Amino acid sequence: MNDLWSAIFDFSDYGELISLLRNSIFAGAVLGIAGGLIGVFVMQRDMAFAVHGISELSFAGASAGLLLGLGVVQGAIVGSLVAAALIGLLGTRARDRNSIIAVLMPFGLGIGILCLALFPGRSANKFGLLTGQIVAVDDPRLNSLLIICAIVVVGLAVVWRPLVFASLDADVAIARGVPARWLSLAFMILLGLTIAVSVQIVGALLVLSILVTPAAAALRLTASPVWVPVLSVVFATVSLVGGILLALGASVPISPYVTTISFLIYLVARVISWQRHRTRRGRIASMTEVVTA
C-alpha cells in the first residue's frame, strides 16, 4: 500500500523538481487561459464531441510527426487543423457534424496507433501522446505553445462579440448580416490549434478535461457573460497547474491528476448549483403559501 501511495504522491526533492520543470508549469498556466476561454464557446455551440474528434486527428498527426521525424508539435497542428477544417466546412448542421466526427475519430485513432506501433523509439514517447507528459515541454515546445496560445487568445478577442451572437442564436445572427459560416470556420481553426497544444500536455484521450469541464463548471455557477469566461479560465488553470504540481514526483502520467481536479471542480459547482436551485424553489413555495393564505 505504501508503494502504491508513493507512486501516486511522492514529494521528496520537490523543490528541485519544480525548478527543473518550470517550463511545464508555465505552459500549464498559459494553456489554462487559452483553453478556458475557448471552452466557453465549445459549450455554447454544443461541440464537446468535436473536441474529442479533433483530438484524435491531432494524436494521429503527432504520431506521424514522431514516426517521420517531422516534429510532434508540427504533426499535431496539421492533424488538428485538417480535422477542424473538415468539421467546420462540412458539418454545418448538428447531424452532419456528429456523423463527420464519428467517422474521423476511429480513423485518427487507428492511424495514430499504427504510427506508434511502427515508431522504434522509447515507449514513454508513445504513451505520452495519449495520456500526457510533463517532461516533454522543452524550450522550443514552450515557445511554440506560447505563440499558438497567443494566436488563439487574440483571435478570440477579435471575433468574441459576433461569435457569441452566432453561438447563441445563429439564425438571428445570419439575418443581421453576421458571417456565421466564416465565424464557425475561424472558431474551428482556433479550437484545432488549442487542441494541438493541449494534446502535448494532457494527452489526446483526456483533452476534454481542459476544454469542456472547466467551462461546464463555470456555466453551473453563473450565466454572466463576464464571469463565465473568467471562472472557466480559473478552473482550467487550477486543474492544469495543480495537476502538474501533484504529478511532479509521481511515476504516473499527469492526466489522472488534471482530470481528477477538473472533475472535483465540476462536482462542487454542480452541488452549489443544486443547492441554489433548491433554495430558490423553497422561497417560491414559501411565497406561494403566503399569497394563498
Protein backbone atom coordinates (compact mmCIF):
# COMPACT_ATOMS: atom_id res chain seq x y z
CA MET A 1 0.00 0.00 0.00
CA ASN A 2 2.86 2.37 0.83
CA ASP A 3 4.47 1.63 -2.55
CA LEU A 4 1.19 2.43 -4.31
CA TRP A 5 0.81 5.68 -2.39
CA SER A 6 4.40 6.72 -3.09
CA ALA A 7 3.90 6.03 -6.80
CA ILE A 8 0.92 8.41 -6.84
CA PHE A 9 2.22 11.07 -4.42
CA ASP A 10 5.95 11.48 -3.86
CA PHE A 11 7.12 14.87 -2.62
CA SER A 12 10.76 14.04 -1.97
CA ASP A 13 13.16 16.51 -3.61
CA TYR A 14 10.09 18.52 -4.57
CA GLY A 15 11.86 21.89 -4.69
CA GLU A 16 14.45 20.66 -7.15
CA LEU A 17 11.77 19.13 -9.37
CA ILE A 18 9.82 22.39 -9.52
CA SER A 19 12.91 24.29 -10.66
CA LEU A 20 13.59 21.67 -13.34
CA LEU A 21 10.04 21.67 -14.69
CA ARG A 22 9.28 25.39 -14.68
CA ASN A 23 8.51 25.21 -18.41
CA SER A 24 5.73 22.70 -17.77
CA ILE A 25 4.17 24.79 -15.02
CA PHE A 26 4.29 27.93 -17.14
CA ALA A 27 2.90 26.03 -20.13
CA GLY A 28 0.03 24.76 -17.99
CA ALA A 29 -0.85 28.27 -16.84
CA VAL A 30 -0.82 29.66 -20.39
CA LEU A 31 -2.80 26.72 -21.75
CA GLY A 32 -5.33 27.18 -18.95
CA ILE A 33 -6.03 30.72 -20.20
CA ALA A 34 -6.49 29.69 -23.84
CA GLY A 35 -8.39 26.50 -23.02
CA GLY A 36 -10.67 28.20 -20.52
CA LEU A 37 -11.62 30.93 -22.98
CA ILE A 38 -12.30 28.71 -25.97
CA GLY A 39 -14.10 26.19 -23.76
CA VAL A 40 -16.89 28.74 -23.24
CA PHE A 41 -17.72 28.63 -26.95
CA VAL A 42 -17.36 24.86 -27.04
CA MET A 43 -20.19 24.68 -24.51
CA GLN A 44 -22.27 27.42 -26.13
CA ARG A 45 -22.05 25.73 -29.54
CA ASP A 46 -22.55 22.22 -28.08
CA MET A 47 -19.29 20.94 -29.58
CA ALA A 48 -17.86 18.80 -26.80
CA PHE A 49 -17.96 15.80 -29.14
CA ALA A 50 -16.00 17.79 -31.74
CA VAL A 51 -13.20 18.38 -29.23
CA HIS A 52 -12.72 14.65 -28.84
CA GLY A 53 -12.85 14.11 -32.60
CA ILE A 54 -10.24 16.77 -33.33
CA SER A 55 -8.00 15.43 -30.57
CA GLU A 56 -7.95 12.02 -32.27
CA LEU A 57 -6.74 13.57 -35.54
CA SER A 58 -4.25 15.66 -33.58
CA PHE A 59 -2.99 12.45 -32.00
CA ALA A 60 -2.66 10.90 -35.46
CA GLY A 61 -0.72 13.91 -36.73
CA ALA A 62 1.56 13.97 -33.69
CA SER A 63 2.21 10.24 -34.04
CA ALA A 64 3.01 10.63 -37.73
CA GLY A 65 5.33 13.53 -36.94
CA LEU A 66 7.07 11.42 -34.32
CA LEU A 67 7.46 8.49 -36.73
CA LEU A 68 8.66 10.55 -39.69
CA GLY A 69 10.90 12.83 -37.64
CA LEU A 70 8.97 15.96 -38.65
CA GLY A 71 8.17 17.03 -35.09
CA VAL A 72 5.34 16.21 -32.71
CA VAL A 73 4.13 19.81 -32.48
CA GLN A 74 4.01 20.29 -36.24
CA GLY A 75 2.24 16.98 -36.77
CA ALA A 76 -0.33 17.72 -34.05
CA ILE A 77 -1.09 21.12 -35.55
CA VAL A 78 -1.57 19.70 -39.05
CA GLY A 79 -3.83 16.92 -37.77
CA SER A 80 -5.92 19.30 -35.68
CA LEU A 81 -6.32 21.85 -38.48
CA VAL A 82 -7.33 19.21 -41.01
CA ALA A 83 -9.98 17.84 -38.64
CA ALA A 84 -11.19 21.32 -37.67
CA ALA A 85 -11.48 22.41 -41.31
CA LEU A 86 -13.43 19.27 -42.26
CA ILE A 87 -15.85 19.63 -39.36
CA GLY A 88 -16.22 23.39 -39.88
CA LEU A 89 -16.83 23.20 -43.63
CA LEU A 90 -18.87 20.02 -43.90
CA GLY A 91 -20.66 19.90 -40.55
CA THR A 92 -22.90 22.95 -40.76
CA ARG A 93 -25.79 21.03 -39.21
CA ALA A 94 -25.54 19.13 -35.93
CA ARG A 95 -26.45 15.79 -37.52
CA ASP A 96 -23.83 16.17 -40.27
CA ARG A 97 -21.23 17.36 -37.78
CA ASN A 98 -21.73 14.39 -35.46
CA SER A 99 -21.54 11.98 -38.39
CA ILE A 100 -18.28 13.51 -39.61
CA ILE A 101 -16.79 13.43 -36.12
CA ALA A 102 -17.84 9.80 -35.65
CA VAL A 103 -16.07 8.92 -38.91
CA LEU A 104 -12.92 10.89 -38.10
CA MET A 105 -12.43 9.59 -34.55
CA PRO A 106 -11.72 5.90 -35.27
CA PHE A 107 -9.75 6.82 -38.38
CA GLY A 108 -7.48 9.20 -36.45
CA LEU A 109 -7.05 6.78 -33.57
CA GLY A 110 -6.22 3.93 -35.95
CA ILE A 111 -3.63 5.96 -37.88
CA GLY A 112 -2.10 7.16 -34.63
CA ILE A 113 -1.81 3.65 -33.22
CA LEU A 114 -0.26 2.45 -36.49
CA CYS A 115 2.37 5.19 -36.41
CA LEU A 116 3.20 4.50 -32.76
CA ALA A 117 3.48 0.77 -33.45
CA LEU A 118 6.00 1.50 -36.21
CA PHE A 119 7.96 4.02 -34.16
CA PRO A 120 11.20 2.40 -32.93
CA GLY A 121 11.84 4.86 -30.09
CA ARG A 122 11.08 4.76 -26.38
CA SER A 123 7.63 3.61 -25.25
CA ALA A 124 7.34 6.66 -22.96
CA ASN A 125 7.10 8.91 -26.03
CA LYS A 126 4.28 6.77 -27.39
CA PHE A 127 2.34 6.66 -24.13
CA GLY A 128 2.77 10.39 -23.55
CA LEU A 129 0.80 11.32 -26.67
CA LEU A 130 -2.23 9.53 -25.25
CA THR A 131 -2.04 10.40 -21.57
CA GLY A 132 0.21 13.47 -21.34
CA GLN A 133 3.82 14.04 -20.39
CA ILE A 134 5.03 16.99 -18.33
CA VAL A 135 8.72 16.45 -19.05
CA ALA A 136 8.14 16.93 -22.78
CA VAL A 137 7.87 20.75 -22.58
CA ASP A 138 11.35 21.94 -23.52
CA ASP A 139 12.18 25.49 -24.62
CA PRO A 140 11.25 25.06 -28.31
CA ARG A 141 7.92 23.47 -27.43
CA LEU A 142 7.23 26.13 -24.83
CA ASN A 143 7.87 28.84 -27.40
CA SER A 144 5.55 27.10 -29.85
CA LEU A 145 2.87 26.81 -27.18
CA LEU A 146 3.17 30.47 -26.25
CA ILE A 147 2.86 31.57 -29.87
CA ILE A 148 -0.13 29.32 -30.56
CA CYS A 149 -1.94 30.29 -27.36
CA ALA A 150 -1.32 33.96 -28.14
CA ILE A 151 -2.84 33.47 -31.60
CA VAL A 152 -5.86 31.76 -30.04
CA VAL A 153 -6.44 34.44 -27.40
CA VAL A 154 -6.01 37.32 -29.86
CA GLY A 155 -8.22 35.56 -32.40
CA LEU A 156 -10.95 35.05 -29.83
CA ALA A 157 -10.71 38.69 -28.76
CA VAL A 158 -11.22 39.82 -32.36
CA VAL A 159 -14.30 37.67 -33.02
CA TRP A 160 -15.68 37.47 -29.47
CA ARG A 161 -18.87 39.55 -29.80
CA PRO A 162 -20.08 38.26 -33.19
CA LEU A 163 -19.09 34.72 -32.21
CA VAL A 164 -21.17 34.96 -29.03
CA PHE A 165 -24.10 36.23 -31.10
CA ALA A 166 -23.74 33.43 -33.67
CA SER A 167 -23.28 30.81 -30.96
CA LEU A 168 -26.42 31.75 -29.02
CA ASP A 169 -28.75 32.31 -31.99
CA ALA A 170 -27.26 31.52 -35.39
CA ASP A 171 -30.45 32.21 -37.37
CA VAL A 172 -30.90 35.71 -35.97
CA ALA A 173 -27.18 36.40 -36.38
CA ILE A 174 -27.32 35.43 -40.06
CA ALA A 175 -30.41 37.62 -40.54
CA ARG A 176 -28.48 40.53 -39.04
CA GLY A 177 -25.64 40.04 -41.51
CA VAL A 178 -23.19 38.20 -39.24
CA PRO A 179 -20.97 35.86 -41.35
CA ALA A 180 -21.81 32.84 -39.22
CA ARG A 181 -20.26 30.28 -41.57
CA TRP A 182 -16.90 32.03 -41.68
CA LEU A 183 -17.02 32.62 -37.94
CA SER A 184 -17.65 28.91 -37.46
CA LEU A 185 -14.64 28.05 -39.61
CA ALA A 186 -12.45 30.59 -37.77
CA PHE A 187 -13.57 29.18 -34.44
CA MET A 188 -12.82 25.62 -35.55
CA ILE A 189 -9.30 26.65 -36.58
CA LEU A 190 -8.70 28.30 -33.20
CA LEU A 191 -10.12 25.22 -31.49
CA GLY A 192 -7.85 22.98 -33.54
CA LEU A 193 -4.78 24.99 -32.53
CA THR A 194 -5.76 24.82 -28.85
CA ILE A 195 -6.30 21.07 -29.01
CA ALA A 196 -2.95 20.59 -30.77
CA VAL A 197 -1.05 22.14 -27.86
CA SER A 198 -3.31 20.54 -25.23
CA VAL A 199 -2.55 17.05 -26.53
CA GLN A 200 1.14 17.55 -25.74
CA ILE A 201 0.42 18.10 -22.04
CA VAL A 202 -2.73 16.18 -21.07
CA GLY A 203 -2.79 13.70 -23.97
CA ALA A 204 -5.29 13.03 -26.73
CA LEU A 205 -7.63 10.90 -24.66
CA LEU A 206 -8.28 13.41 -21.88
CA VAL A 207 -8.22 16.82 -23.56
CA LEU A 208 -11.91 17.24 -22.67
CA SER A 209 -10.88 17.90 -19.06
CA ILE A 210 -9.36 21.22 -20.17
CA LEU A 211 -11.61 22.36 -22.99
CA VAL A 212 -15.00 21.23 -21.69
CA THR A 213 -15.16 20.53 -17.95
CA PRO A 214 -13.98 23.97 -16.67
CA ALA A 215 -16.47 25.83 -18.87
CA ALA A 216 -19.23 23.40 -17.91
CA ALA A 217 -18.49 24.05 -14.23
CA ALA A 218 -18.50 27.82 -14.78
CA LEU A 219 -21.90 27.64 -16.50
CA ARG A 220 -23.25 25.80 -13.47
CA LEU A 221 -22.33 28.73 -11.25
CA THR A 222 -23.32 31.74 -13.35
CA ALA A 223 -24.82 32.85 -16.64
CA SER A 224 -22.95 36.16 -16.68
CA PRO A 225 -21.14 36.79 -20.00
CA VAL A 226 -18.26 38.21 -17.95
CA TRP A 227 -17.97 35.71 -15.13
CA VAL A 228 -18.37 32.55 -17.21
CA PRO A 229 -15.09 33.03 -19.14
CA VAL A 230 -13.32 34.29 -16.00
CA LEU A 231 -14.32 31.25 -13.95
CA SER A 232 -13.62 28.92 -16.86
CA VAL A 233 -10.07 30.26 -17.14
CA VAL A 234 -9.55 29.97 -13.38
CA PHE A 235 -10.85 26.40 -13.28
CA ALA A 236 -8.77 25.31 -16.29
CA THR A 237 -5.61 26.92 -14.90
CA VAL A 238 -6.11 25.41 -11.45
CA SER A 239 -6.68 21.98 -13.00
CA LEU A 240 -3.58 22.14 -15.18
CA VAL A 241 -1.14 23.77 -12.77
CA GLY A 242 -2.46 21.77 -9.82
CA GLY A 243 -2.21 18.55 -11.81
CA ILE A 244 1.34 19.34 -12.87
CA LEU A 245 2.39 20.16 -9.29
CA LEU A 246 0.92 16.90 -8.00
CA ALA A 247 2.44 14.84 -10.82
CA LEU A 248 5.97 16.23 -10.47
CA GLY A 249 7.32 13.50 -8.27
CA ALA A 250 4.96 10.71 -9.25
CA SER A 251 5.62 7.77 -11.55
CA VAL A 252 2.25 8.01 -13.29
CA PRO A 253 1.21 10.35 -16.15
CA ILE A 254 -0.11 13.83 -15.50
CA SER A 255 -3.59 13.24 -16.93
CA PRO A 256 -5.16 11.48 -13.88
CA TYR A 257 -4.29 14.45 -11.67
CA VAL A 258 -5.61 17.05 -14.13
CA THR A 259 -8.81 15.16 -14.81
CA THR A 260 -9.44 14.50 -11.11
CA ILE A 261 -9.04 18.16 -10.15
CA SER A 262 -11.20 19.22 -13.08
CA PHE A 263 -13.89 16.69 -12.15
CA LEU A 264 -13.88 17.75 -8.49
CA ILE A 265 -14.31 21.39 -9.51
CA TYR A 266 -17.28 20.43 -11.68
CA LEU A 267 -18.73 18.30 -8.88
CA VAL A 268 -18.52 21.19 -6.40
CA ALA A 269 -20.08 23.55 -8.96
CA ARG A 270 -22.87 21.06 -9.55
CA VAL A 271 -23.59 20.78 -5.82
CA ILE A 272 -23.63 24.58 -5.44
CA SER A 273 -26.00 24.88 -8.41
CA TRP A 274 -28.29 22.22 -6.97
CA GLN A 275 -28.31 23.92 -3.58
CA ARG A 276 -29.17 27.27 -5.16
CA HIS A 277 -31.99 25.73 -7.15
CA ARG A 278 -33.33 24.01 -4.05
CA THR A 279 -33.20 27.24 -2.03
CA ARG A 280 -34.91 29.14 -4.83
CA ARG A 281 -37.70 26.59 -5.04
CA GLY A 282 -38.16 26.77 -1.27
CA ARG A 283 -38.51 30.54 -1.41
CA ILE A 284 -41.04 30.34 -4.23
CA ALA A 285 -43.06 27.76 -2.30
CA SER A 286 -42.99 29.95 0.82
CA MET A 287 -44.14 33.00 -1.15
CA THR A 288 -46.95 30.97 -2.72
CA GLU A 289 -48.15 29.82 0.69
CA VAL A 290 -48.15 33.40 1.97
CA VAL A 291 -50.14 34.64 -1.03
CA THR A 292 -52.71 31.84 -0.81
CA ALA A 293 -53.06 32.10 2.98
